Amino acid sequence: MIFRKSIFFTVALCLSLISAAAMAGSDKYGKKANKDIVAVAASNEAFTTLVAAVKAAGLVETLQSKGPFTVFAPTDEAFAKLPAGTLESLLKPENRQQLVDILTYHVVSGAVYAKDAAALSKATTVQGDDIKISARGNGVMVDNARVVATDIKASNGVIHVIDTVILPNS
């Protein structure tokens, strides 16, 4: 049973990587390793909401530091899936800690590339809670978010693009 599950996960991960490679080839999300995580995200129009949230949370310097970090980066479309008014509320100064908790839930210490994720069922986030990593019929999932692109290199880590904002349990 474990062997079958392992094969399934490996096949799903490979399919996800092939899809990601095709997306990366189009340079949709950027691949420049000479820029830090914030610069890579800021150079791509798919992450304008994420970059604004990182700035509002005061996390720019942290994500520009040496790291390395693995960031599961929600796209603008992912943020648009949040209930109406949620993002606006989170960006208010009085809700800064909640925003920090959500954003740091998208970050894992160390550089975890897609090939290494196959061995993981979970990872502890900078926020402190664990995220679940699994393979399903539609690819690799991180909690309830589908990974749509992997291994976008930055000088201080790696970015994996996800299609949904994930939320901490606490």
Protein backbone atom coordinates (compact mmCIF):
# COMPACT_ATOMS: atom_id res chain seq x y z
CA MET A 1 0.00 0.00 0.00
CA ILE A 2 2.80 2.41 0.91
CA PHE A 3 4.64 1.51 -2.31
CA ARG A 4 1.51 2.19 -4.42
CA LYS A 5 0.92 5.52 -2.64
CA SER A 6 4.59 6.43 -3.17
CA ILE A 7 4.35 5.66 -6.90
CA PHE A 8 1.15 7.69 -7.17
CA PHE A 9 2.77 10.64 -5.41
CA THR A 10 5.87 10.41 -7.62
CA VAL A 11 3.78 10.28 -10.82
CA ALA A 12 1.64 13.22 -9.68
CA LEU A 13 4.73 15.20 -8.73
CA CYS A 14 6.34 14.47 -12.11
CA LEU A 15 3.22 15.62 -13.93
CA SER A 16 3.21 18.78 -11.83
CA LEU A 17 6.88 19.38 -12.65
CA ILE A 18 6.27 18.90 -16.37
CA SER A 19 3.44 21.41 -16.20
CA ALA A 20 5.59 23.78 -14.18
CA ALA A 21 8.46 23.45 -16.63
CA ALA A 22 6.15 24.40 -19.47
CA MET A 23 4.96 27.44 -17.49
CA ALA A 24 8.50 28.37 -16.53
CA GLY A 25 9.56 28.16 -20.14
CA SER A 26 7.11 30.90 -20.91
CA ASP A 27 8.74 32.98 -18.14
CA LYS A 28 5.29 33.68 -16.72
CA TYR A 29 6.54 33.66 -13.14
CA GLY A 30 10.18 34.59 -13.66
CA LYS A 31 13.27 32.46 -13.03
CA LYS A 32 16.05 34.91 -12.15
CA ALA A 33 18.19 33.51 -9.31
CA ASN A 34 20.14 36.76 -8.94
CA LYS A 35 17.13 38.43 -7.26
CA ASP A 36 15.82 37.79 -3.75
CA ILE A 37 12.33 36.40 -3.15
CA VAL A 38 10.71 39.83 -2.85
CA ALA A 39 12.39 41.12 -6.02
CA VAL A 40 11.37 38.02 -7.98
CA ALA A 41 7.76 38.41 -6.83
CA ALA A 42 7.76 42.17 -7.41
CA SER A 43 9.03 41.70 -10.96
CA ASN A 44 5.96 39.67 -11.87
CA GLU A 45 2.46 41.08 -12.28
CA ALA A 46 0.90 37.82 -11.00
CA PHE A 47 2.09 38.67 -7.47
CA THR A 48 1.08 42.32 -7.00
CA THR A 49 -1.32 41.48 -4.17
CA LEU A 50 1.21 39.25 -2.43
CA VAL A 51 3.88 41.95 -2.62
CA ALA A 52 1.45 44.56 -1.26
CA ALA A 53 0.55 42.21 1.60
CA VAL A 54 4.22 41.50 2.38
CA LYS A 55 4.86 45.26 2.54
CA ALA A 56 1.80 45.89 4.75
CA ALA A 57 2.91 43.11 7.10
CA GLY A 58 6.43 44.51 7.37
CA LEU A 59 7.99 41.30 6.05
CA VAL A 60 10.01 42.74 3.15
CA GLU A 61 13.35 42.79 5.01
CA THR A 62 12.78 39.28 6.35
CA LEU A 63 12.11 37.87 2.88
CA GLN A 64 15.11 39.75 1.52
CA SER A 65 17.44 38.29 4.17
CA LYS A 66 19.87 35.45 3.53
CA GLY A 67 17.35 32.65 4.19
CA PRO A 68 17.01 30.31 2.51
CA PHE A 69 13.23 30.22 2.41
CA THR A 70 10.63 28.29 0.51
CA VAL A 71 7.60 30.43 -0.29
CA PHE A 72 4.28 29.02 -1.42
CA ALA A 73 3.20 32.14 -3.27
CA PRO A 74 -0.49 32.74 -3.96
CA THR A 75 -1.21 34.61 -7.18
CA ASP A 76 -3.48 37.63 -7.45
CA GLU A 77 -6.19 35.22 -8.64
CA ALA A 78 -5.72 33.21 -5.42
CA PHE A 79 -6.22 36.33 -3.31
CA ALA A 80 -9.32 37.16 -5.37
CA LYS A 81 -10.89 33.89 -4.16
CA LEU A 82 -10.99 35.17 -0.57
CA PRO A 83 -14.41 36.29 0.64
CA ALA A 84 -15.28 39.90 -0.25
CA GLY A 85 -13.63 42.40 2.08
CA THR A 86 -11.18 39.90 3.62
CA LEU A 87 -8.07 41.23 1.92
CA GLU A 88 -8.99 44.84 2.57
CA SER A 89 -9.53 44.02 6.24
CA LEU A 90 -6.22 42.18 6.52
CA LEU A 91 -4.32 45.12 5.04
CA LYS A 92 -5.51 47.46 7.81
CA PRO A 93 -2.83 48.33 10.39
CA GLU A 94 -4.92 46.98 13.26
CA ASN A 95 -4.96 43.52 11.60
CA ARG A 96 -1.23 43.40 10.91
CA GLN A 97 -0.51 40.42 13.20
CA GLN A 98 -3.22 38.34 11.52
CA LEU A 99 -1.73 39.22 8.13
CA VAL A 100 1.76 38.30 9.38
CA ASP A 101 0.42 34.94 10.62
CA ILE A 102 -1.20 34.19 7.26
CA LEU A 103 1.81 35.22 5.20
CA THR A 104 4.35 33.39 7.37
CA TYR A 105 2.14 30.30 7.06
CA HIS A 106 3.14 30.38 3.37
CA VAL A 107 6.87 30.24 4.21
CA VAL A 108 9.07 27.30 5.21
CA SER A 109 12.66 27.70 6.41
CA GLY A 110 15.16 26.20 4.00
CA ALA A 111 14.99 25.66 0.28
CA VAL A 112 12.60 22.80 -0.49
CA TYR A 113 12.64 22.02 -4.20
CA ALA A 114 9.90 20.00 -5.88
CA LYS A 115 12.09 16.90 -6.15
CA ASP A 116 12.52 16.93 -2.35
CA ALA A 117 8.83 17.49 -1.65
CA ALA A 118 8.04 13.95 -2.82
CA ALA A 119 9.41 12.65 0.48
CA LEU A 120 7.31 15.01 2.59
CA SER A 121 3.78 14.73 3.92
CA LYS A 122 4.04 17.98 5.86
CA ALA A 123 6.35 20.90 6.52
CA THR A 124 6.55 23.29 9.46
CA THR A 125 5.99 26.90 8.47
CA VAL A 126 7.69 29.99 9.83
CA GLN A 127 4.33 30.79 11.47
CA GLY A 128 4.67 27.56 13.48
CA ASP A 129 1.88 25.35 12.14
CA ASP A 130 2.41 22.47 9.73
CA ILE A 131 1.17 22.54 6.15
CA LYS A 132 0.07 19.27 4.58
CA ILE A 133 1.74 18.22 1.33
CA SER A 134 -0.02 15.60 -0.76
CA ALA A 135 -0.49 14.31 -4.25
CA ARG A 136 -3.94 14.09 -5.72
CA GLY A 137 -5.33 13.36 -9.15
CA ASN A 138 -4.97 17.04 -10.05
CA GLY A 139 -1.34 17.38 -8.92
CA VAL A 140 0.53 18.36 -5.80
CA MET A 141 -1.44 20.07 -3.05
CA VAL A 142 -0.29 22.22 -0.14
CA ASP A 143 -3.21 22.18 2.29
CA ASN A 144 -6.12 23.06 -0.03
CA ALA A 145 -4.01 24.87 -2.65
CA ARG A 146 -2.83 23.34 -5.90
CA VAL A 147 0.79 23.93 -6.85
CA VAL A 148 0.74 25.41 -10.35
CA ALA A 149 4.47 26.16 -10.82
CA THR A 150 7.54 24.99 -8.95
CA ASP A 151 11.18 25.78 -8.35
CA ILE A 152 11.26 29.47 -9.21
CA LYS A 153 14.73 30.26 -7.98
CA ALA A 154 15.66 33.32 -5.97
CA SER A 155 19.03 34.23 -4.50
CA ASN A 156 17.71 33.40 -1.02
CA GLY A 157 15.38 30.48 -1.68
CA VAL A 158 12.71 29.11 -3.91
CA ILE A 159 9.12 29.98 -4.81
CA HIS A 160 6.32 27.55 -5.60
CA VAL A 161 3.18 29.15 -7.03
CA ILE A 162 -0.17 28.14 -5.54
CA ASP A 163 -3.71 28.82 -6.69
CA THR A 164 -5.32 29.44 -3.29
CA VAL A 165 -4.39 31.40 -0.16
CA ILE A 166 -3.80 28.87 2.62
CA LEU A 167 -4.79 29.71 6.16
CA PRO A 168 -3.22 28.62 9.46
CA ASN A 169 -5.15 26.38 11.80
CA SER A 170 -4.67 28.60 14.85
